[in-house]
Amino acid sequence: MDVSNNATHMTITVETLGYANWTKYLFFFNTGAPDQTATNAWNRPMNMNGNTIDRFMGSWVDQPANNAQLWTYGANWALDSTISNDQSDTGNDRVSWTFELAWLGLGVGEVLLFDVGTSGGGDFDTTVDLLSRDTQATDWWTNAATAGNYRAYTIVPTPGVLALAGLAGAISRRRRAA
């Protein structure tokens, strides 16, 4: 996983060991906003394991455009906007998302806590693999996944990149558990 930012945008790139055109990507963001929740906007079964979030991005790759949703939590989840992910590098098992830093409400020097997972196409499929874990997050698609410790990224004043080793291995275990 790579995370980078410039003055106005953040880009996240996820690389898996095998691209599948049915994959859903779920991003859990904690910006430190006062309203937090241990749920997600898509109502996928998830045990946040003490973590909370105030932003959520859900995305799919079986549609060529307008295939990612940006949500903000207040008293409830609210859909802020829809963006398109970049599938131009799926031959190398990579998908990218670029969105405005303003959506996160963070500035230079502030820290974003986050996790990302892959999921299946069912409405109630959980995230089988999570960046925050080095083992599978659940034993079945509809059983709640359990998060580990969230990763941190500090917004930098000049373009920066954080390569998170291990996501490729974690996400590569995308499979139906027995």
N, C-alpha and C. Protein backbone atom coordinates (compact mmCIF):
# COMPACT_ATOMS: atom_id res chain seq x y z
N MET A 1 0.84 -1.17 0.00
CA MET A 1 0.00 0.00 0.00
C MET A 1 0.89 1.23 0.00
N ASP A 2 0.55 2.22 -0.82
CA ASP A 2 1.22 3.50 -0.85
C ASP A 2 0.21 4.59 -0.52
N VAL A 3 0.62 5.53 0.32
CA VAL A 3 -0.19 6.69 0.64
C VAL A 3 0.67 7.91 0.39
N SER A 4 0.13 8.89 -0.31
CA SER A 4 0.87 10.12 -0.56
C SER A 4 -0.09 11.30 -0.59
N ASN A 5 0.47 12.49 -0.42
CA ASN A 5 -0.36 13.69 -0.54
C ASN A 5 0.44 14.81 -1.18
N ASN A 6 -0.29 15.74 -1.81
CA ASN A 6 0.28 17.01 -2.23
C ASN A 6 -0.51 18.08 -1.49
N ALA A 7 -0.46 19.29 -1.93
CA ALA A 7 -1.12 20.38 -1.20
C ALA A 7 -2.63 20.24 -1.13
N THR A 8 -3.24 19.55 -2.10
CA THR A 8 -4.71 19.50 -2.15
C THR A 8 -5.31 18.10 -2.20
N HIS A 9 -4.53 17.08 -2.49
CA HIS A 9 -5.08 15.74 -2.69
C HIS A 9 -4.28 14.66 -1.98
N MET A 10 -4.96 13.58 -1.68
CA MET A 10 -4.32 12.37 -1.16
C MET A 10 -4.55 11.26 -2.17
N THR A 11 -3.53 10.44 -2.37
CA THR A 11 -3.65 9.27 -3.24
C THR A 11 -3.29 8.03 -2.44
N ILE A 12 -4.13 7.02 -2.56
CA ILE A 12 -3.91 5.73 -1.92
C ILE A 12 -3.89 4.68 -3.02
N THR A 13 -2.86 3.85 -3.02
CA THR A 13 -2.75 2.76 -3.99
C THR A 13 -2.65 1.45 -3.22
N VAL A 14 -3.50 0.51 -3.58
CA VAL A 14 -3.50 -0.82 -2.96
C VAL A 14 -3.04 -1.83 -4.01
N GLU A 15 -2.08 -2.64 -3.62
CA GLU A 15 -1.59 -3.72 -4.48
C GLU A 15 -1.91 -5.05 -3.82
N THR A 16 -2.51 -5.94 -4.57
CA THR A 16 -2.82 -7.27 -4.06
C THR A 16 -1.99 -8.29 -4.84
N LEU A 17 -1.96 -9.51 -4.38
CA LEU A 17 -1.22 -10.56 -5.09
C LEU A 17 -1.99 -11.09 -6.29
N GLY A 18 -3.24 -10.69 -6.40
CA GLY A 18 -4.05 -11.11 -7.54
C GLY A 18 -5.27 -10.22 -7.66
N TYR A 19 -5.36 -9.49 -8.75
CA TYR A 19 -6.50 -8.62 -8.98
C TYR A 19 -7.72 -9.45 -9.35
N ALA A 20 -8.85 -9.14 -8.74
CA ALA A 20 -10.12 -9.79 -9.07
C ALA A 20 -11.16 -8.71 -9.35
N ASN A 21 -11.89 -8.84 -10.45
CA ASN A 21 -12.81 -7.79 -10.86
C ASN A 21 -14.10 -7.73 -10.05
N TRP A 22 -14.23 -8.54 -9.01
CA TRP A 22 -15.40 -8.49 -8.14
C TRP A 22 -15.07 -7.88 -6.78
N THR A 23 -13.82 -7.50 -6.55
CA THR A 23 -13.37 -7.03 -5.24
C THR A 23 -14.02 -5.71 -4.85
N LYS A 24 -14.36 -5.61 -3.60
CA LYS A 24 -14.79 -4.36 -2.98
C LYS A 24 -13.67 -3.96 -2.01
N TYR A 25 -13.40 -2.67 -1.94
CA TYR A 25 -12.37 -2.14 -1.04
C TYR A 25 -13.07 -1.27 -0.01
N LEU A 26 -12.72 -1.46 1.25
CA LEU A 26 -13.31 -0.69 2.34
C LEU A 26 -12.19 0.01 3.09
N PHE A 27 -12.30 1.33 3.21
CA PHE A 27 -11.31 2.16 3.88
C PHE A 27 -11.94 2.77 5.12
N PHE A 28 -11.27 2.61 6.24
CA PHE A 28 -11.75 3.11 7.53
C PHE A 28 -10.79 4.21 7.98
N PHE A 29 -11.29 5.45 8.13
CA PHE A 29 -10.45 6.60 8.45
C PHE A 29 -10.87 7.24 9.77
N ASN A 30 -9.88 7.54 10.60
CA ASN A 30 -10.11 8.30 11.83
C ASN A 30 -9.29 9.58 11.71
N THR A 31 -9.98 10.71 11.52
CA THR A 31 -9.31 12.00 11.38
C THR A 31 -9.20 12.74 12.71
N GLY A 32 -9.80 12.18 13.75
CA GLY A 32 -9.81 12.85 15.04
C GLY A 32 -11.00 13.77 15.22
N ALA A 33 -11.95 13.75 14.28
CA ALA A 33 -13.16 14.56 14.40
C ALA A 33 -13.92 14.15 15.66
N PRO A 34 -14.72 15.06 16.23
CA PRO A 34 -15.40 14.75 17.49
C PRO A 34 -16.42 13.62 17.40
N ASP A 35 -17.13 13.51 16.28
CA ASP A 35 -18.11 12.43 16.14
C ASP A 35 -17.42 11.20 15.57
N GLN A 36 -17.45 10.11 16.32
CA GLN A 36 -16.79 8.86 15.94
C GLN A 36 -17.80 7.71 16.07
N THR A 37 -17.55 6.64 15.35
CA THR A 37 -18.40 5.45 15.43
C THR A 37 -17.56 4.20 15.25
N ALA A 38 -18.10 3.09 15.65
CA ALA A 38 -17.47 1.78 15.43
C ALA A 38 -18.25 1.00 14.38
N THR A 39 -18.98 1.72 13.52
CA THR A 39 -19.72 1.10 12.42
C THR A 39 -19.10 1.59 11.11
N ASN A 40 -19.62 1.10 10.00
CA ASN A 40 -19.17 1.62 8.70
C ASN A 40 -20.39 1.92 7.84
N ALA A 41 -20.22 2.78 6.87
CA ALA A 41 -21.35 3.28 6.08
C ALA A 41 -22.02 2.21 5.25
N TRP A 42 -21.32 1.15 4.92
CA TRP A 42 -21.92 0.07 4.15
C TRP A 42 -22.54 -1.02 5.03
N ASN A 43 -22.49 -0.86 6.32
CA ASN A 43 -23.04 -1.84 7.27
C ASN A 43 -22.45 -3.23 7.09
N ARG A 44 -21.20 -3.30 6.68
CA ARG A 44 -20.54 -4.60 6.59
C ARG A 44 -20.19 -5.06 8.00
N PRO A 45 -20.30 -6.37 8.29
CA PRO A 45 -20.01 -6.85 9.65
C PRO A 45 -18.54 -6.61 10.00
N MET A 46 -18.32 -5.87 11.08
CA MET A 46 -16.97 -5.47 11.45
C MET A 46 -16.85 -5.26 12.93
N ASN A 47 -15.83 -5.86 13.55
CA ASN A 47 -15.48 -5.60 14.93
C ASN A 47 -14.25 -4.67 14.87
N MET A 48 -14.45 -3.40 15.16
CA MET A 48 -13.36 -2.42 15.05
C MET A 48 -12.30 -2.61 16.13
N ASN A 49 -12.59 -3.47 17.11
CA ASN A 49 -11.60 -3.84 18.11
C ASN A 49 -11.07 -2.61 18.88
N GLY A 50 -11.99 -1.71 19.24
CA GLY A 50 -11.62 -0.52 19.99
C GLY A 50 -11.32 0.70 19.14
N ASN A 51 -11.15 0.50 17.83
CA ASN A 51 -10.91 1.63 16.93
C ASN A 51 -12.24 2.29 16.58
N THR A 52 -12.20 3.57 16.26
CA THR A 52 -13.37 4.28 15.78
C THR A 52 -13.01 5.04 14.51
N ILE A 53 -14.04 5.42 13.75
CA ILE A 53 -13.81 6.14 12.50
C ILE A 53 -14.82 7.27 12.37
N ASP A 54 -14.47 8.24 11.50
CA ASP A 54 -15.40 9.31 11.18
C ASP A 54 -15.51 9.52 9.67
N ARG A 55 -14.70 8.81 8.90
CA ARG A 55 -14.78 8.83 7.44
C ARG A 55 -14.70 7.39 6.95
N PHE A 56 -15.37 7.13 5.83
CA PHE A 56 -15.38 5.79 5.24
C PHE A 56 -15.38 5.95 3.73
N MET A 57 -14.55 5.16 3.05
CA MET A 57 -14.61 5.10 1.60
C MET A 57 -14.84 3.65 1.21
N GLY A 58 -15.90 3.44 0.45
CA GLY A 58 -16.20 2.12 -0.08
C GLY A 58 -16.08 2.17 -1.59
N SER A 59 -15.47 1.13 -2.18
CA SER A 59 -15.23 1.18 -3.62
C SER A 59 -15.35 -0.21 -4.23
N TRP A 60 -15.63 -0.24 -5.51
CA TRP A 60 -15.76 -1.49 -6.24
C TRP A 60 -15.06 -1.33 -7.59
N VAL A 61 -14.69 -2.45 -8.20
CA VAL A 61 -13.95 -2.38 -9.47
C VAL A 61 -14.71 -3.01 -10.63
N ASP A 62 -15.95 -3.41 -10.40
CA ASP A 62 -16.73 -4.02 -11.49
C ASP A 62 -17.62 -2.98 -12.17
N GLN A 63 -17.25 -1.72 -12.05
CA GLN A 63 -17.88 -0.61 -12.75
C GLN A 63 -16.74 0.34 -13.11
N PRO A 64 -16.67 0.84 -14.34
CA PRO A 64 -15.50 1.61 -14.77
C PRO A 64 -15.37 3.02 -14.20
N ALA A 65 -16.45 3.64 -13.77
CA ALA A 65 -16.38 5.02 -13.26
C ALA A 65 -17.41 5.23 -12.16
N ASN A 66 -17.26 6.33 -11.41
CA ASN A 66 -18.16 6.61 -10.28
C ASN A 66 -18.30 5.38 -9.40
N ASN A 67 -17.17 4.82 -9.01
CA ASN A 67 -17.15 3.53 -8.33
C ASN A 67 -16.53 3.59 -6.93
N ALA A 68 -16.56 4.76 -6.32
CA ALA A 68 -16.11 4.90 -4.94
C ALA A 68 -16.96 5.96 -4.25
N GLN A 69 -17.35 5.67 -3.03
CA GLN A 69 -18.19 6.58 -2.26
C GLN A 69 -17.42 7.11 -1.06
N LEU A 70 -17.50 8.42 -0.83
CA LEU A 70 -16.88 9.06 0.33
C LEU A 70 -17.98 9.42 1.32
N TRP A 71 -17.88 8.89 2.53
CA TRP A 71 -18.89 9.08 3.56
C TRP A 71 -18.28 9.78 4.78
N THR A 72 -19.07 10.61 5.46
CA THR A 72 -18.67 11.26 6.71
C THR A 72 -19.69 10.91 7.79
N TYR A 73 -19.16 10.65 8.99
CA TYR A 73 -20.05 10.34 10.11
C TYR A 73 -20.29 11.59 10.95
N GLY A 74 -21.56 11.87 11.23
CA GLY A 74 -21.98 12.88 12.20
C GLY A 74 -22.79 12.11 13.22
N ALA A 75 -24.06 12.36 13.33
CA ALA A 75 -24.92 11.52 14.14
C ALA A 75 -25.27 10.24 13.38
N ASN A 76 -25.15 10.30 12.05
CA ASN A 76 -25.36 9.17 11.15
C ASN A 76 -24.37 9.30 10.01
N TRP A 77 -24.29 8.26 9.18
CA TRP A 77 -23.44 8.32 7.99
C TRP A 77 -24.12 9.16 6.91
N ALA A 78 -23.33 10.01 6.25
CA ALA A 78 -23.84 10.84 5.15
C ALA A 78 -22.90 10.68 3.95
N LEU A 79 -23.48 10.40 2.79
CA LEU A 79 -22.70 10.27 1.56
C LEU A 79 -22.32 11.67 1.09
N ASP A 80 -21.02 11.93 1.02
CA ASP A 80 -20.52 13.25 0.61
C ASP A 80 -20.37 13.35 -0.89
N SER A 81 -19.77 12.34 -1.51
CA SER A 81 -19.54 12.40 -2.94
C SER A 81 -19.17 11.02 -3.47
N THR A 82 -19.18 10.95 -4.79
CA THR A 82 -18.76 9.74 -5.49
C THR A 82 -17.58 10.12 -6.38
N ILE A 83 -16.53 9.31 -6.36
CA ILE A 83 -15.36 9.52 -7.19
C ILE A 83 -15.10 8.25 -8.00
N SER A 84 -14.12 8.29 -8.88
CA SER A 84 -13.74 7.11 -9.65
C SER A 84 -12.36 6.65 -9.22
N ASN A 85 -12.21 5.33 -9.05
CA ASN A 85 -10.88 4.82 -8.77
C ASN A 85 -10.12 4.67 -10.09
N ASP A 86 -8.82 4.50 -10.00
CA ASP A 86 -7.95 4.35 -11.16
C ASP A 86 -7.58 2.88 -11.29
N GLN A 87 -8.09 2.27 -12.35
CA GLN A 87 -7.84 0.85 -12.60
C GLN A 87 -6.85 0.64 -13.74
N SER A 88 -6.06 1.64 -14.06
CA SER A 88 -5.15 1.55 -15.20
C SER A 88 -3.97 0.62 -14.95
N ASP A 89 -3.73 0.22 -13.70
CA ASP A 89 -2.58 -0.64 -13.40
C ASP A 89 -3.01 -2.00 -12.82
N THR A 90 -4.20 -2.46 -13.17
CA THR A 90 -4.66 -3.74 -12.64
C THR A 90 -3.83 -4.90 -13.17
N GLY A 91 -3.13 -4.70 -14.29
CA GLY A 91 -2.21 -5.73 -14.78
C GLY A 91 -1.09 -6.01 -13.79
N ASN A 92 -0.80 -5.03 -12.93
CA ASN A 92 0.17 -5.19 -11.85
C ASN A 92 -0.53 -5.30 -10.50
N ASP A 93 -1.82 -5.63 -10.54
CA ASP A 93 -2.62 -5.88 -9.33
C ASP A 93 -2.76 -4.64 -8.45
N ARG A 94 -2.79 -3.44 -9.07
CA ARG A 94 -2.87 -2.19 -8.32
C ARG A 94 -4.10 -1.39 -8.71
N VAL A 95 -4.77 -0.83 -7.69
CA VAL A 95 -5.90 0.08 -7.87
C VAL A 95 -5.59 1.30 -7.01
N SER A 96 -5.91 2.51 -7.52
CA SER A 96 -5.61 3.75 -6.81
C SER A 96 -6.85 4.63 -6.66
N TRP A 97 -6.83 5.44 -5.62
CA TRP A 97 -7.89 6.41 -5.35
C TRP A 97 -7.24 7.75 -5.05
N THR A 98 -7.72 8.82 -5.64
CA THR A 98 -7.27 10.17 -5.34
C THR A 98 -8.49 11.00 -4.96
N PHE A 99 -8.39 11.66 -3.82
CA PHE A 99 -9.50 12.48 -3.35
C PHE A 99 -8.94 13.73 -2.69
N GLU A 100 -9.80 14.71 -2.51
CA GLU A 100 -9.38 15.99 -1.94
C GLU A 100 -9.09 15.86 -0.44
N LEU A 101 -7.97 16.44 -0.03
CA LEU A 101 -7.63 16.46 1.40
C LEU A 101 -8.70 17.16 2.21
N ALA A 102 -9.39 18.12 1.59
CA ALA A 102 -10.45 18.85 2.30
C ALA A 102 -11.51 17.90 2.85
N TRP A 103 -11.76 16.79 2.17
CA TRP A 103 -12.75 15.82 2.66
C TRP A 103 -12.35 15.29 4.03
N LEU A 104 -11.06 15.09 4.24
CA LEU A 104 -10.59 14.60 5.53
C LEU A 104 -10.57 15.69 6.59
N GLY A 105 -10.47 16.94 6.16
CA GLY A 105 -10.41 18.04 7.12
C GLY A 105 -9.08 18.10 7.85
N LEU A 106 -8.02 17.58 7.25
CA LEU A 106 -6.71 17.56 7.90
C LEU A 106 -5.75 18.50 7.18
N GLY A 107 -4.78 19.02 7.94
CA GLY A 107 -3.76 19.88 7.38
C GLY A 107 -2.38 19.32 7.65
N VAL A 108 -1.38 20.02 7.19
CA VAL A 108 0.02 19.62 7.33
C VAL A 108 0.34 19.34 8.80
N GLY A 109 0.97 18.20 9.04
CA GLY A 109 1.38 17.81 10.38
C GLY A 109 0.33 17.01 11.14
N GLU A 110 -0.90 16.99 10.65
CA GLU A 110 -1.94 16.22 11.33
C GLU A 110 -1.89 14.76 10.89
N VAL A 111 -2.39 13.88 11.75
CA VAL A 111 -2.26 12.45 11.54
C VAL A 111 -3.60 11.82 11.20
N LEU A 112 -3.59 10.97 10.18
CA LEU A 112 -4.74 10.17 9.79
C LEU A 112 -4.49 8.74 10.24
N LEU A 113 -5.41 8.19 11.03
CA LEU A 113 -5.37 6.77 11.38
C LEU A 113 -6.28 6.04 10.42
N PHE A 114 -5.87 4.85 9.95
CA PHE A 114 -6.69 4.18 8.94
C PHE A 114 -6.44 2.68 8.90
N ASP A 115 -7.38 2.02 8.25
CA ASP A 115 -7.27 0.61 7.92
C ASP A 115 -7.94 0.43 6.56
N VAL A 116 -7.60 -0.61 5.86
CA VAL A 116 -8.21 -0.92 4.57
C VAL A 116 -8.34 -2.43 4.46
N GLY A 117 -9.42 -2.85 3.85
CA GLY A 117 -9.64 -4.27 3.64
C GLY A 117 -10.29 -4.55 2.31
N THR A 118 -10.22 -5.80 1.91
CA THR A 118 -10.92 -6.23 0.70
C THR A 118 -12.12 -7.06 1.12
N SER A 119 -13.11 -7.07 0.26
CA SER A 119 -14.35 -7.76 0.55
C SER A 119 -14.90 -8.36 -0.73
N GLY A 120 -15.94 -9.14 -0.58
CA GLY A 120 -16.62 -9.74 -1.72
C GLY A 120 -17.79 -8.90 -2.18
N GLY A 121 -18.54 -9.46 -3.12
CA GLY A 121 -19.63 -8.73 -3.75
C GLY A 121 -20.97 -8.80 -3.05
N GLY A 122 -21.10 -9.62 -2.02
CA GLY A 122 -22.38 -9.71 -1.32
C GLY A 122 -22.63 -8.49 -0.45
N ASP A 123 -23.89 -8.12 -0.31
CA ASP A 123 -24.24 -6.93 0.47
C ASP A 123 -23.78 -7.00 1.92
N PHE A 124 -23.62 -8.18 2.47
CA PHE A 124 -23.24 -8.31 3.87
C PHE A 124 -21.91 -9.02 4.04
N ASP A 125 -21.09 -9.06 2.97
CA ASP A 125 -19.75 -9.64 3.09
C ASP A 125 -18.88 -8.73 3.94
N THR A 126 -18.10 -9.34 4.82
CA THR A 126 -17.18 -8.59 5.66
C THR A 126 -15.86 -8.37 4.93
N THR A 127 -14.90 -7.79 5.60
CA THR A 127 -13.56 -7.66 5.04
C THR A 127 -12.75 -8.85 5.52
N VAL A 128 -12.47 -9.75 4.62
CA VAL A 128 -11.74 -10.97 5.00
C VAL A 128 -10.30 -10.65 5.34
N ASP A 129 -9.71 -9.72 4.63
CA ASP A 129 -8.32 -9.33 4.86
C ASP A 129 -8.26 -7.85 5.20
N LEU A 130 -7.46 -7.51 6.20
CA LEU A 130 -7.30 -6.13 6.65
C LEU A 130 -5.81 -5.78 6.74
N LEU A 131 -5.48 -4.57 6.39
CA LEU A 131 -4.10 -4.09 6.51
C LEU A 131 -3.61 -4.19 7.95
N SER A 132 -4.50 -3.97 8.91
CA SER A 132 -4.11 -3.94 10.31
C SER A 132 -3.80 -5.32 10.90
N ARG A 133 -3.95 -6.36 10.11
CA ARG A 133 -3.70 -7.73 10.61
C ARG A 133 -2.75 -8.47 9.69
N ASP A 134 -1.98 -9.37 10.26
CA ASP A 134 -1.14 -10.23 9.43
C ASP A 134 -1.73 -11.63 9.28
N THR A 135 -2.94 -11.79 9.81
CA THR A 135 -3.68 -13.03 9.65
C THR A 135 -5.06 -12.70 9.10
N GLN A 136 -5.76 -13.72 8.64
CA GLN A 136 -7.10 -13.51 8.12
C GLN A 136 -7.98 -12.91 9.22
N ALA A 137 -8.86 -11.98 8.86
CA ALA A 137 -9.64 -11.22 9.83
C ALA A 137 -10.93 -11.91 10.29
N THR A 138 -11.35 -12.95 9.57
CA THR A 138 -12.58 -13.66 9.92
C THR A 138 -12.52 -15.07 9.35
N ASP A 139 -13.44 -15.92 9.79
CA ASP A 139 -13.45 -17.29 9.29
C ASP A 139 -14.53 -17.52 8.23
N TRP A 140 -15.33 -16.49 7.93
CA TRP A 140 -16.36 -16.64 6.90
C TRP A 140 -16.85 -15.26 6.46
N TRP A 141 -17.29 -15.16 5.22
CA TRP A 141 -17.68 -13.89 4.61
C TRP A 141 -18.72 -13.10 5.40
N THR A 142 -19.66 -13.75 6.04
CA THR A 142 -20.72 -13.01 6.74
C THR A 142 -20.46 -12.87 8.23
N ASN A 143 -19.36 -13.42 8.73
CA ASN A 143 -18.98 -13.24 10.14
C ASN A 143 -18.14 -11.98 10.27
N ALA A 144 -18.34 -11.25 11.33
CA ALA A 144 -17.62 -9.98 11.52
C ALA A 144 -16.11 -10.17 11.47
N ALA A 145 -15.45 -9.31 10.74
CA ALA A 145 -13.99 -9.27 10.73
C ALA A 145 -13.54 -8.51 11.97
N THR A 146 -12.35 -8.80 12.46
CA THR A 146 -11.81 -8.11 13.62
C THR A 146 -10.56 -7.34 13.20
N ALA A 147 -10.58 -6.04 13.43
CA ALA A 147 -9.46 -5.18 13.07
C ALA A 147 -8.30 -5.34 14.05
N GLY A 148 -7.13 -4.95 13.60
CA GLY A 148 -5.95 -4.85 14.45
C GLY A 148 -5.68 -3.38 14.73
N ASN A 149 -4.42 -3.05 14.93
CA ASN A 149 -4.04 -1.65 15.18
C ASN A 149 -4.01 -0.88 13.87
N TYR A 150 -4.67 0.26 13.86
CA TYR A 150 -4.71 1.09 12.67
C TYR A 150 -3.33 1.64 12.34
N ARG A 151 -3.08 1.90 11.08
CA ARG A 151 -1.86 2.53 10.60
C ARG A 151 -2.02 4.05 10.75
N ALA A 152 -0.91 4.76 10.69
CA ALA A 152 -0.93 6.22 10.79
C ALA A 152 -0.19 6.83 9.62
N TYR A 153 -0.73 7.92 9.11
CA TYR A 153 -0.08 8.70 8.06
C TYR A 153 -0.15 10.16 8.45
N THR A 154 0.99 10.85 8.42
CA THR A 154 1.05 12.27 8.74
C THR A 154 1.03 13.07 7.45
N ILE A 155 0.11 14.03 7.37
CA ILE A 155 0.01 14.90 6.20
C ILE A 155 1.29 15.73 6.13
N VAL A 156 1.96 15.70 4.97
CA VAL A 156 3.24 16.36 4.80
C VAL A 156 3.10 17.63 3.95
N PRO A 157 4.00 18.60 4.13
CA PRO A 157 3.90 19.84 3.37
C PRO A 157 4.32 19.70 1.92
N THR A 158 5.14 18.74 1.62
CA THR A 158 5.55 18.47 0.24
C THR A 158 5.14 17.05 -0.07
N PRO A 159 5.09 16.68 -1.32
CA PRO A 159 4.67 15.32 -1.64
C PRO A 159 5.45 14.28 -0.84
N GLY A 160 4.72 13.34 -0.29
CA GLY A 160 5.33 12.27 0.48
C GLY A 160 4.67 10.95 0.16
N VAL A 161 5.38 9.88 0.41
CA VAL A 161 4.86 8.55 0.15
C VAL A 161 5.18 7.67 1.35
N LEU A 162 4.21 6.89 1.76
CA LEU A 162 4.40 5.92 2.81
C LEU A 162 4.08 4.56 2.22
N ALA A 163 5.07 3.72 2.08
CA ALA A 163 4.85 2.38 1.57
C ALA A 163 4.63 1.47 2.76
N LEU A 164 3.52 0.80 2.76
CA LEU A 164 3.19 -0.08 3.87
C LEU A 164 3.37 -1.52 3.43
N ALA A 165 4.48 -2.08 3.80
CA ALA A 165 4.76 -3.47 3.46
C ALA A 165 3.78 -4.36 4.21
N GLY A 166 3.44 -5.42 3.59
CA GLY A 166 2.57 -6.38 4.24
C GLY A 166 1.15 -6.34 3.72
N LEU A 167 0.69 -5.23 3.17
CA LEU A 167 -0.68 -5.20 2.67
C LEU A 167 -0.84 -6.18 1.53
N ALA A 168 0.15 -6.23 0.65
CA ALA A 168 0.05 -7.14 -0.48
C ALA A 168 -0.15 -8.56 0.02
N GLY A 169 0.60 -8.94 1.04
CA GLY A 169 0.43 -10.28 1.58
C GLY A 169 -0.89 -10.45 2.30
N ALA A 170 -1.29 -9.43 3.06
CA ALA A 170 -2.54 -9.51 3.80
C ALA A 170 -3.73 -9.56 2.85
N ILE A 171 -3.75 -8.68 1.88
CA ILE A 171 -4.87 -8.63 0.95
C ILE A 171 -4.87 -9.84 0.04
N SER A 172 -3.69 -10.43 -0.19
CA SER A 172 -3.62 -11.56 -1.11
C SER A 172 -4.39 -12.77 -0.60
N ARG A 173 -4.67 -12.81 0.67
CA ARG A 173 -5.39 -13.96 1.21
C ARG A 173 -6.87 -13.86 0.96
N ARG A 174 -7.25 -12.96 0.06
CA ARG A 174 -8.66 -12.75 -0.30
C ARG A 174 -9.22 -14.08 -0.82
N ARG A 175 -9.98 -14.74 -0.03
CA ARG A 175 -10.57 -16.02 -0.43
C ARG A 175 -11.71 -16.33 0.52
N ARG A 176 -12.49 -17.25 0.13
CA ARG A 176 -13.56 -17.69 1.03
C ARG A 176 -12.97 -18.63 2.06
N ALA A 177 -13.19 -18.30 3.30
CA ALA A 177 -12.67 -19.13 4.39
C ALA A 177 -13.51 -20.39 4.50
N ALA A 178 -12.87 -21.43 4.94
CA ALA A 178 -13.59 -22.70 5.10
C ALA A 178 -14.35 -22.74 6.39
